[in-house]
Amino acid sequence: FTPEKIDIFLEQCKTHGLPVELFGHKSNARNFVNWGFAPAEDPLPMTTDMLSRACDVRMPLMWDDEDFEDMANVLCESLEAALEE
């Protein structure tokens, strides 16, 4: 997946009302490079490379089973749109 395809995927998800974040983005608090309390002693280039393409979808506690089907449909359609570009 190229950075451009990731951007298309994220934009498609957003257009359909599903907030998806790039896990490896500098602003994502769950990205290990932002952990001031447990910094890596050595560079982790393979981890950084993988996280540069990993996406983060939060699953709300109040959703019903049908909501997860809708989420899966949005993810699949957004992925297909990104792959077509």
Protein backbone atom coordinates (compact mmCIF):
# COMPACT_ATOMS: atom_id res chain seq x y z
CA PHE A 1 0.00 0.00 0.00
CA THR A 2 1.43 3.34 -1.01
CA PRO A 3 0.97 6.48 1.09
CA GLU A 4 -1.39 7.77 -1.61
CA LYS A 5 -3.59 4.67 -1.39
CA ILE A 6 -3.66 4.95 2.38
CA ASP A 7 -4.83 8.56 2.07
CA ILE A 8 -7.59 7.47 -0.34
CA PHE A 9 -8.66 4.71 2.05
CA LEU A 10 -8.76 7.08 5.03
CA GLU A 11 -10.68 9.71 3.06
CA GLN A 12 -13.21 7.15 1.80
CA CYS A 13 -13.82 5.93 5.36
CA LYS A 14 -14.26 9.52 6.54
CA THR A 15 -16.69 10.23 3.70
CA HIS A 16 -18.81 7.30 4.90
CA GLY A 17 -18.75 8.57 8.48
CA LEU A 18 -16.26 6.06 9.88
CA PRO A 19 -13.33 7.67 11.68
CA VAL A 20 -10.16 5.72 10.89
CA GLU A 21 -6.71 6.92 11.87
CA LEU A 22 -3.26 6.06 10.64
CA PHE A 23 -1.76 4.22 13.60
CA GLY A 24 1.77 5.35 12.80
CA HIS A 25 0.87 9.04 12.46
CA LYS A 26 2.88 11.33 14.70
CA SER A 27 -0.32 12.63 16.33
CA ASN A 28 -1.65 9.17 17.27
CA ALA A 29 -1.13 8.66 21.01
CA ARG A 30 -1.13 4.87 20.52
CA ASN A 31 1.95 5.10 18.27
CA PHE A 32 4.94 3.81 20.26
CA VAL A 33 7.16 6.71 19.18
CA ASN A 34 4.90 8.99 21.24
CA TRP A 35 5.33 6.99 24.44
CA GLY A 36 7.45 9.18 26.65
CA PHE A 37 7.16 6.67 29.49
CA ALA A 38 8.62 3.70 27.55
CA PRO A 39 10.88 4.92 24.75
CA ALA A 40 12.66 2.32 22.63
CA GLU A 41 16.38 2.15 23.35
CA ASP A 42 17.20 1.23 19.74
CA PRO A 43 15.59 2.30 16.46
CA LEU A 44 12.80 -0.03 15.34
CA PRO A 45 12.74 0.48 11.56
CA MET A 46 10.60 -2.58 10.70
CA THR A 47 8.02 -1.66 13.33
CA THR A 48 7.98 1.95 12.16
CA ASP A 49 7.57 0.84 8.54
CA MET A 50 4.66 -1.48 9.39
CA LEU A 51 2.93 1.15 11.52
CA SER A 52 3.23 3.69 8.71
CA ARG A 53 0.53 1.68 6.91
CA ALA A 54 -1.51 0.28 9.83
CA CYS A 55 -4.91 1.83 10.41
CA ASP A 56 -6.72 2.23 13.69
CA VAL A 57 -10.50 1.81 13.98
CA ARG A 58 -12.14 2.40 17.34
CA MET A 59 -15.12 0.20 18.14
CA PRO A 60 -17.68 2.01 20.29
CA LEU A 61 -19.07 0.07 23.23
CA MET A 62 -22.65 1.08 22.48
CA TRP A 63 -22.83 -0.41 18.98
CA ASP A 64 -25.20 -3.20 18.05
CA ASP A 65 -24.14 -6.20 15.93
CA GLU A 66 -25.59 -4.54 12.80
CA ASP A 67 -23.33 -1.53 13.35
CA PHE A 68 -20.27 -3.76 13.04
CA GLU A 69 -21.58 -5.13 9.75
CA ASP A 70 -21.91 -1.55 8.50
CA MET A 71 -18.38 -0.79 9.69
CA ALA A 72 -17.02 -3.84 7.86
CA ASN A 73 -18.85 -2.81 4.69
CA VAL A 74 -17.38 0.71 4.85
CA LEU A 75 -13.89 -0.70 5.40
CA CYS A 76 -14.22 -3.11 2.47
CA GLU A 77 -15.69 -0.51 0.10
CA SER A 78 -13.03 2.03 1.09
CA LEU A 79 -10.29 -0.53 0.55
CA GLU A 80 -11.67 -1.42 -2.86
CA ALA A 81 -11.80 2.27 -3.81
CA ALA A 82 -8.18 2.75 -2.75
CA LEU A 83 -7.03 -0.31 -4.69
CA GLU A 84 -8.81 0.89 -7.85
CA GLU A 85 -6.88 4.19 -7.88
